[in-house]
Amino acid sequence: MSALFSAGATKIAHRHFEMGKKDSPVMGAGFSVSLGAIKEAADFRSRKGTASFKDFIWDIAGALTGAAIIGLTL
């Protein structure tokens, strides 16, 4: 999901907000990592979810992958 969110946010930043080819992947990855951090914080505070540092690392990896792949097509 992180790769999908990152790719989508990168494309939106480039196309609709007219960000450059170098800036839009950074924005997309940052957006996706922020969503992953919010999800892990919510899991930490709730008794139903389980916060995981390993899951957050995979969120970061997915965000970087999605931004890199879509960044190559800009």
PDB file of N, CA and C in Angstrom:
ATOM      1  N   MET A   1       0.817  -1.178   0.000  1.00  0.00           N
ATOM      2  CA  MET A   1       0.000   0.000   0.000  1.00  0.00           C
ATOM      3  C   MET A   1       0.873   1.258   0.000  1.00  0.00           C
ATOM      4  N   SER A   2       1.986   1.199   0.699  1.00  0.00           N
ATOM      5  CA  SER A   2       2.867   2.372   0.743  1.00  0.00           C
ATOM      6  C   SER A   2       3.381   2.738  -0.640  1.00  0.00           C
ATOM      7  N   ALA A   3       3.729   1.741  -1.437  1.00  0.00           N
ATOM      8  CA  ALA A   3       4.205   2.015  -2.792  1.00  0.00           C
ATOM      9  C   ALA A   3       3.099   2.635  -3.639  1.00  0.00           C
ATOM     10  N   LEU A   4       1.886   2.136  -3.487  1.00  0.00           N
ATOM     11  CA  LEU A   4       0.757   2.674  -4.237  1.00  0.00           C
ATOM     12  C   LEU A   4       0.468   4.119  -3.840  1.00  0.00           C
ATOM     13  N   PHE A   5       0.422   4.391  -2.543  1.00  0.00           N
ATOM     14  CA  PHE A   5       0.178   5.760  -2.075  1.00  0.00           C
ATOM     15  C   PHE A   5       1.298   6.697  -2.523  1.00  0.00           C
ATOM     16  N   SER A   6       2.512   6.223  -2.445  1.00  0.00           N
ATOM     17  CA  SER A   6       3.657   7.032  -2.829  1.00  0.00           C
ATOM     18  C   SER A   6       3.635   7.349  -4.320  1.00  0.00           C
ATOM     19  N   ALA A   7       3.363   6.344  -5.134  1.00  0.00           N
ATOM     20  CA  ALA A   7       3.306   6.556  -6.580  1.00  0.00           C
ATOM     21  C   ALA A   7       2.192   7.524  -6.944  1.00  0.00           C
ATOM     22  N   GLY A   8       1.034   7.344  -6.333  1.00  0.00           N
ATOM     23  CA  GLY A   8      -0.088   8.236  -6.607  1.00  0.00           C
ATOM     24  C   GLY A   8       0.187   9.665  -6.187  1.00  0.00           C
ATOM     25  N   ALA A   9       0.742   9.828  -5.007  1.00  0.00           N
ATOM     26  CA  ALA A   9       1.048  11.178  -4.520  1.00  0.00           C
ATOM     27  C   ALA A   9       2.138  11.836  -5.360  1.00  0.00           C
ATOM     28  N   THR A  10       3.090  11.044  -5.834  1.00  0.00           N
ATOM     29  CA  THR A  10       4.139  11.581  -6.702  1.00  0.00           C
ATOM     30  C   THR A  10       3.548  12.088  -8.009  1.00  0.00           C
ATOM     31  N   LYS A  11       2.675  11.298  -8.607  1.00  0.00           N
ATOM     32  CA  LYS A  11       2.054  11.693  -9.868  1.00  0.00           C
ATOM     33  C   LYS A  11       1.173  12.929  -9.684  1.00  0.00           C
ATOM     34  N   ILE A  12       0.416  12.983  -8.604  1.00  0.00           N
ATOM     35  CA  ILE A  12      -0.435  14.146  -8.329  1.00  0.00           C
ATOM     36  C   ILE A  12       0.416  15.389  -8.096  1.00  0.00           C
ATOM     37  N   ALA A  13       1.494  15.251  -7.339  1.00  0.00           N
ATOM     38  CA  ALA A  13       2.368  16.399  -7.081  1.00  0.00           C
ATOM     39  C   ALA A  13       2.966  16.930  -8.377  1.00  0.00           C
ATOM     40  N   HIS A  14       3.338  16.025  -9.270  1.00  0.00           N
ATOM     41  CA  HIS A  14       3.956  16.445 -10.529  1.00  0.00           C
ATOM     42  C   HIS A  14       2.934  17.057 -11.484  1.00  0.00           C
ATOM     43  N   ARG A  15       1.806  16.391 -11.635  1.00  0.00           N
ATOM     44  CA  ARG A  15       0.840  16.808 -12.640  1.00  0.00           C
ATOM     45  C   ARG A  15      -0.033  17.978 -12.178  1.00  0.00           C
ATOM     46  N   HIS A  16      -0.570  17.896 -10.977  1.00  0.00           N
ATOM     47  CA  HIS A  16      -1.549  18.889 -10.542  1.00  0.00           C
ATOM     48  C   HIS A  16      -0.941  20.066  -9.783  1.00  0.00           C
ATOM     49  N   PHE A  17       0.165  19.829  -9.116  1.00  0.00           N
ATOM     50  CA  PHE A  17       0.807  20.913  -8.362  1.00  0.00           C
ATOM     51  C   PHE A  17       2.065  21.424  -9.057  1.00  0.00           C
ATOM     52  N   GLU A  18       2.334  20.895 -10.245  1.00  0.00           N
ATOM     53  CA  GLU A  18       3.434  21.334 -11.103  1.00  0.00           C
ATOM     54  C   GLU A  18       4.794  21.334 -10.402  1.00  0.00           C
ATOM     55  N   MET A  19       5.010  20.300  -9.609  1.00  0.00           N
ATOM     56  CA  MET A  19       6.322  20.140  -8.973  1.00  0.00           C
ATOM     57  C   MET A  19       7.276  19.524  -9.981  1.00  0.00           C
ATOM     58  N   GLY A  20       8.556  19.756  -9.782  1.00  0.00           N
ATOM     59  CA  GLY A  20       9.572  19.259 -10.705  1.00  0.00           C
ATOM     60  C   GLY A  20       9.772  17.758 -10.589  1.00  0.00           C
ATOM     61  N   LYS A  21      10.547  17.222 -11.525  1.00  0.00           N
ATOM     62  CA  LYS A  21      10.822  15.789 -11.545  1.00  0.00           C
ATOM     63  C   LYS A  21      11.623  15.325 -10.335  1.00  0.00           C
ATOM     64  N   LYS A  22      12.382  16.224  -9.733  1.00  0.00           N
ATOM     65  CA  LYS A  22      13.169  15.854  -8.555  1.00  0.00           C
ATOM     66  C   LYS A  22      12.376  16.027  -7.265  1.00  0.00           C
ATOM     67  N   ASP A  23      11.477  17.002  -7.230  1.00  0.00           N
ATOM     68  CA  ASP A  23      10.748  17.301  -6.006  1.00  0.00           C
ATOM     69  C   ASP A  23       9.522  16.415  -5.791  1.00  0.00           C
ATOM     70  N   SER A  24       8.849  16.038  -6.863  1.00  0.00           N
ATOM     71  CA  SER A  24       7.606  15.282  -6.695  1.00  0.00           C
ATOM     72  C   SER A  24       7.819  13.887  -6.077  1.00  0.00           C
ATOM     73  N   PRO A  25       8.878  13.126  -6.418  1.00  0.00           N
ATOM     74  CA  PRO A  25       9.069  11.849  -5.715  1.00  0.00           C
ATOM     75  C   PRO A  25       9.344  12.027  -4.218  1.00  0.00           C
ATOM     76  N   VAL A  26      10.017  13.102  -3.865  1.00  0.00           N
ATOM     77  CA  VAL A  26      10.277  13.369  -2.442  1.00  0.00           C
ATOM     78  C   VAL A  26       8.950  13.635  -1.723  1.00  0.00           C
ATOM     79  N   MET A  27       8.092  14.423  -2.353  1.00  0.00           N
ATOM     80  CA  MET A  27       6.792  14.717  -1.764  1.00  0.00           C
ATOM     81  C   MET A  27       5.942  13.452  -1.643  1.00  0.00           C
ATOM     82  N   GLY A  28       5.938  12.631  -2.698  1.00  0.00           N
ATOM     83  CA  GLY A  28       5.163  11.395  -2.680  1.00  0.00           C
ATOM     84  C   GLY A  28       5.631  10.427  -1.604  1.00  0.00           C
ATOM     85  N   ALA A  29       6.937  10.249  -1.497  1.00  0.00           N
ATOM     86  CA  ALA A  29       7.481   9.346  -0.482  1.00  0.00           C
ATOM     87  C   ALA A  29       7.219   9.890   0.917  1.00  0.00           C
ATOM     88  N   GLY A  30       7.369  11.192   1.084  1.00  0.00           N
ATOM     89  CA  GLY A  30       7.097  11.802   2.391  1.00  0.00           C
ATOM     90  C   GLY A  30       5.653  11.633   2.809  1.00  0.00           C
ATOM     91  N   PHE A  31       4.745  11.788   1.860  1.00  0.00           N
ATOM     92  CA  PHE A  31       3.322  11.601   2.145  1.00  0.00           C
ATOM     93  C   PHE A  31       3.042  10.172   2.596  1.00  0.00           C
ATOM     94  N   SER A  32       3.588   9.216   1.870  1.00  0.00           N
ATOM     95  CA  SER A  32       3.342   7.817   2.189  1.00  0.00           C
ATOM     96  C   SER A  32       3.974   7.405   3.520  1.00  0.00           C
ATOM     97  N   VAL A  33       5.177   7.867   3.791  1.00  0.00           N
ATOM     98  CA  VAL A  33       5.826   7.559   5.070  1.00  0.00           C
ATOM     99  C   VAL A  33       5.032   8.179   6.224  1.00  0.00           C
ATOM    100  N   SER A  34       4.494   9.359   5.997  1.00  0.00           N
ATOM    101  CA  SER A  34       3.667  10.001   7.036  1.00  0.00           C
ATOM    102  C   SER A  34       2.433   9.168   7.340  1.00  0.00           C
ATOM    103  N   LEU A  35       1.791   8.644   6.294  1.00  0.00           N
ATOM    104  CA  LEU A  35       0.632   7.777   6.517  1.00  0.00           C
ATOM    105  C   LEU A  35       1.023   6.521   7.302  1.00  0.00           C
ATOM    106  N   GLY A  36       2.171   5.944   6.977  1.00  0.00           N
ATOM    107  CA  GLY A  36       2.639   4.762   7.703  1.00  0.00           C
ATOM    108  C   GLY A  36       2.936   5.069   9.161  1.00  0.00           C
ATOM    109  N   ALA A  37       3.513   6.240   9.416  1.00  0.00           N
ATOM    110  CA  ALA A  37       3.810   6.639  10.796  1.00  0.00           C
ATOM    111  C   ALA A  37       2.522   6.861  11.584  1.00  0.00           C
ATOM    112  N   ILE A  38       1.541   7.481  10.949  1.00  0.00           N
ATOM    113  CA  ILE A  38       0.254   7.711  11.618  1.00  0.00           C
ATOM    114  C   ILE A  38      -0.418   6.380  11.938  1.00  0.00           C
ATOM    115  N   LYS A  39      -0.353   5.439  11.006  1.00  0.00           N
ATOM    116  CA  LYS A  39      -0.957   4.118  11.232  1.00  0.00           C
ATOM    117  C   LYS A  39      -0.273   3.379  12.376  1.00  0.00           C
ATOM    118  N   GLU A  40       1.042   3.432  12.417  1.00  0.00           N
ATOM    119  CA  GLU A  40       1.764   2.758  13.501  1.00  0.00           C
ATOM    120  C   GLU A  40       1.502   3.442  14.850  1.00  0.00           C
ATOM    121  N   ALA A  41       1.381   4.754  14.850  1.00  0.00           N
ATOM    122  CA  ALA A  41       1.059   5.468  16.096  1.00  0.00           C
ATOM    123  C   ALA A  41      -0.339   5.097  16.575  1.00  0.00           C
ATOM    124  N   ALA A  42      -1.273   4.976  15.636  1.00  0.00           N
ATOM    125  CA  ALA A  42      -2.627   4.569  16.008  1.00  0.00           C
ATOM    126  C   ALA A  42      -2.635   3.143  16.545  1.00  0.00           C
ATOM    127  N   ASP A  43      -1.850   2.262  15.934  1.00  0.00           N
ATOM    128  CA  ASP A  43      -1.741   0.885  16.433  1.00  0.00           C
ATOM    129  C   ASP A  43      -1.141   0.853  17.831  1.00  0.00           C
ATOM    130  N   PHE A  44      -0.180   1.719  18.081  1.00  0.00           N
ATOM    131  CA  PHE A  44       0.464   1.775  19.389  1.00  0.00           C
ATOM    132  C   PHE A  44      -0.526   2.210  20.469  1.00  0.00           C
ATOM    133  N   ARG A  45      -1.392   3.157  20.125  1.00  0.00           N
ATOM    134  CA  ARG A  45      -2.340   3.695  21.109  1.00  0.00           C
ATOM    135  C   ARG A  45      -3.561   2.812  21.291  1.00  0.00           C
ATOM    136  N   SER A  46      -3.899   2.024  20.288  1.00  0.00           N
ATOM    137  CA  SER A  46      -5.102   1.198  20.390  1.00  0.00           C
ATOM    138  C   SER A  46      -4.747  -0.193  20.912  1.00  0.00           C
ATOM    139  N   ARG A  47      -5.700  -0.815  21.526  1.00  0.00           N
ATOM    140  CA  ARG A  47      -5.464  -2.171  22.037  1.00  0.00           C
ATOM    141  C   ARG A  47      -5.713  -3.223  20.960  1.00  0.00           C
ATOM    142  N   LYS A  48      -6.396  -2.835  19.895  1.00  0.00           N
ATOM    143  CA  LYS A  48      -6.721  -3.787  18.831  1.00  0.00           C
ATOM    144  C   LYS A  48      -5.545  -4.015  17.888  1.00  0.00           C
ATOM    145  N   GLY A  49      -4.777  -2.978  17.624  1.00  0.00           N
ATOM    146  CA  GLY A  49      -3.647  -3.085  16.700  1.00  0.00           C
ATOM    147  C   GLY A  49      -2.347  -3.355  17.430  1.00  0.00           C
ATOM    148  N   THR A  50      -1.367  -3.770  16.679  1.00  0.00           N
ATOM    149  CA  THR A  50      -0.053  -4.019  17.238  1.00  0.00           C
ATOM    150  C   THR A  50       0.966  -3.195  16.453  1.00  0.00           C
ATOM    151  N   ALA A  51       1.576  -2.252  17.124  1.00  0.00           N
ATOM    152  CA  ALA A  51       2.597  -1.427  16.475  1.00  0.00           C
ATOM    153  C   ALA A  51       3.840  -2.273  16.227  1.00  0.00           C
ATOM    154  N   SER A  52       4.453  -2.055  15.077  1.00  0.00           N
ATOM    155  CA  SER A  52       5.619  -2.842  14.714  1.00  0.00           C
ATOM    156  C   SER A  52       6.652  -1.958  14.028  1.00  0.00           C
ATOM    157  N   PHE A  53       7.852  -1.956  14.565  1.00  0.00           N
ATOM    158  CA  PHE A  53       8.931  -1.199  13.952  1.00  0.00           C
ATOM    159  C   PHE A  53       9.288  -1.806  12.597  1.00  0.00           C
ATOM    160  N   LYS A  54       9.241  -3.137  12.504  1.00  0.00           N
ATOM    161  CA  LYS A  54       9.534  -3.813  11.247  1.00  0.00           C
ATOM    162  C   LYS A  54       8.522  -3.421  10.169  1.00  0.00           C
ATOM    163  N   ASP A  55       7.261  -3.307  10.539  1.00  0.00           N
ATOM    164  CA  ASP A  55       6.222  -2.886   9.597  1.00  0.00           C
ATOM    165  C   ASP A  55       6.488  -1.467   9.111  1.00  0.00           C
ATOM    166  N   PHE A  56       6.929  -0.596   9.994  1.00  0.00           N
ATOM    167  CA  PHE A  56       7.232   0.778   9.610  1.00  0.00           C
ATOM    168  C   PHE A  56       8.419   0.837   8.647  1.00  0.00           C
ATOM    169  N   ILE A  57       9.409  -0.011   8.859  1.00  0.00           N
ATOM    170  CA  ILE A  57      10.552  -0.085   7.941  1.00  0.00           C
ATOM    171  C   ILE A  57      10.074  -0.522   6.555  1.00  0.00           C
ATOM    172  N   TRP A  58       9.151  -1.492   6.497  1.00  0.00           N
ATOM    173  CA  TRP A  58       8.613  -1.917   5.206  1.00  0.00           C
ATOM    174  C   TRP A  58       7.756  -0.825   4.576  1.00  0.00           C
ATOM    175  N   ASP A  59       7.081  -0.022   5.389  1.00  0.00           N
ATOM    176  CA  ASP A  59       6.348   1.133   4.859  1.00  0.00           C
ATOM    177  C   ASP A  59       7.305   2.107   4.171  1.00  0.00           C
ATOM    178  N   ILE A  60       8.434   2.351   4.791  1.00  0.00           N
ATOM    179  CA  ILE A  60       9.432   3.252   4.207  1.00  0.00           C
ATOM    180  C   ILE A  60       9.979   2.666   2.909  1.00  0.00           C
ATOM    181  N   ALA A  61      10.288   1.373   2.917  1.00  0.00           N
ATOM    182  CA  ALA A  61      10.809   0.721   1.710  1.00  0.00           C
ATOM    183  C   ALA A  61       9.792   0.781   0.573  1.00  0.00           C
ATOM    184  N   GLY A  62       8.536   0.544   0.882  1.00  0.00           N
ATOM    185  CA  GLY A  62       7.496   0.618  -0.140  1.00  0.00           C
ATOM    186  C   GLY A  62       7.322   2.022  -0.675  1.00  0.00           C
ATOM    187  N   ALA A  63       7.381   3.015   0.212  1.00  0.00           N
ATOM    188  CA  ALA A  63       7.242   4.408  -0.215  1.00  0.00           C
ATOM    189  C   ALA A  63       8.380   4.806  -1.145  1.00  0.00           C
ATOM    190  N   LEU A  64       9.584   4.428  -0.812  1.00  0.00           N
ATOM    191  CA  LEU A  64      10.733   4.760  -1.662  1.00  0.00           C
ATOM    192  C   LEU A  64      10.665   4.037  -3.002  1.00  0.00           C
ATOM    193  N   THR A  65      10.220   2.794  -2.987  1.00  0.00           N
ATOM    194  CA  THR A  65      10.090   2.031  -4.224  1.00  0.00           C
ATOM    195  C   THR A  65       9.039   2.638  -5.142  1.00  0.00           C
ATOM    196  N   GLY A  66       7.885   2.957  -4.585  1.00  0.00           N
ATOM    197  CA  GLY A  66       6.820   3.553  -5.400  1.00  0.00           C
ATOM    198  C   GLY A  66       7.223   4.890  -5.989  1.00  0.00           C
ATOM    199  N   ALA A  67       7.873   5.725  -5.186  1.00  0.00           N
ATOM    200  CA  ALA A  67       8.311   7.029  -5.675  1.00  0.00           C
ATOM    201  C   ALA A  67       9.395   6.884  -6.740  1.00  0.00           C
ATOM    202  N   ALA A  68      10.285   5.922  -6.571  1.00  0.00           N
ATOM    203  CA  ALA A  68      11.356   5.712  -7.549  1.00  0.00           C
ATOM    204  C   ALA A  68      10.801   5.201  -8.881  1.00  0.00           C
ATOM    205  N   ILE A  69       9.880   4.266  -8.826  1.00  0.00           N
ATOM    206  CA  ILE A  69       9.328   3.710 -10.056  1.00  0.00           C
ATOM    207  C   ILE A  69       8.548   4.752 -10.832  1.00  0.00           C
ATOM    208  N   ILE A  70       7.670   5.475 -10.158  1.00  0.00           N
ATOM    209  CA  ILE A  70       6.885   6.482 -10.866  1.00  0.00           C
ATOM    210  C   ILE A  70       7.754   7.672 -11.244  1.00  0.00           C
ATOM    211  N   GLY A  71       8.796   7.940 -10.468  1.00  0.00           N
ATOM    212  CA  GLY A  71       9.709   9.027 -10.800  1.00  0.00           C
ATOM    213  C   GLY A  71      10.452   8.778 -12.099  1.00  0.00           C
ATOM    214  N   LEU A  72      10.677   7.544 -12.451  1.00  0.00           N
ATOM    215  CA  LEU A  72      11.341   7.216 -13.712  1.00  0.00           C
ATOM    216  C   LEU A  72      10.452   7.499 -14.927  1.00  0.00           C
ATOM    217  N   THR A  73       9.139   7.538 -14.711  1.00  0.00           N
ATOM    218  CA  THR A  73       8.221   7.751 -15.829  1.00  0.00           C
ATOM    219  C   THR A  73       7.841   9.216 -16.015  1.00  0.00           C
ATOM    220  N   LEU A  74       8.281  10.092 -15.122  1.00  0.00           N
ATOM    221  CA  LEU A  74       7.908  11.505 -15.244  1.00  0.00           C
ATOM    222  C   LEU A  74       8.662  12.181 -16.367  1.00  0.00           C
TER     223      LEU A  74
END
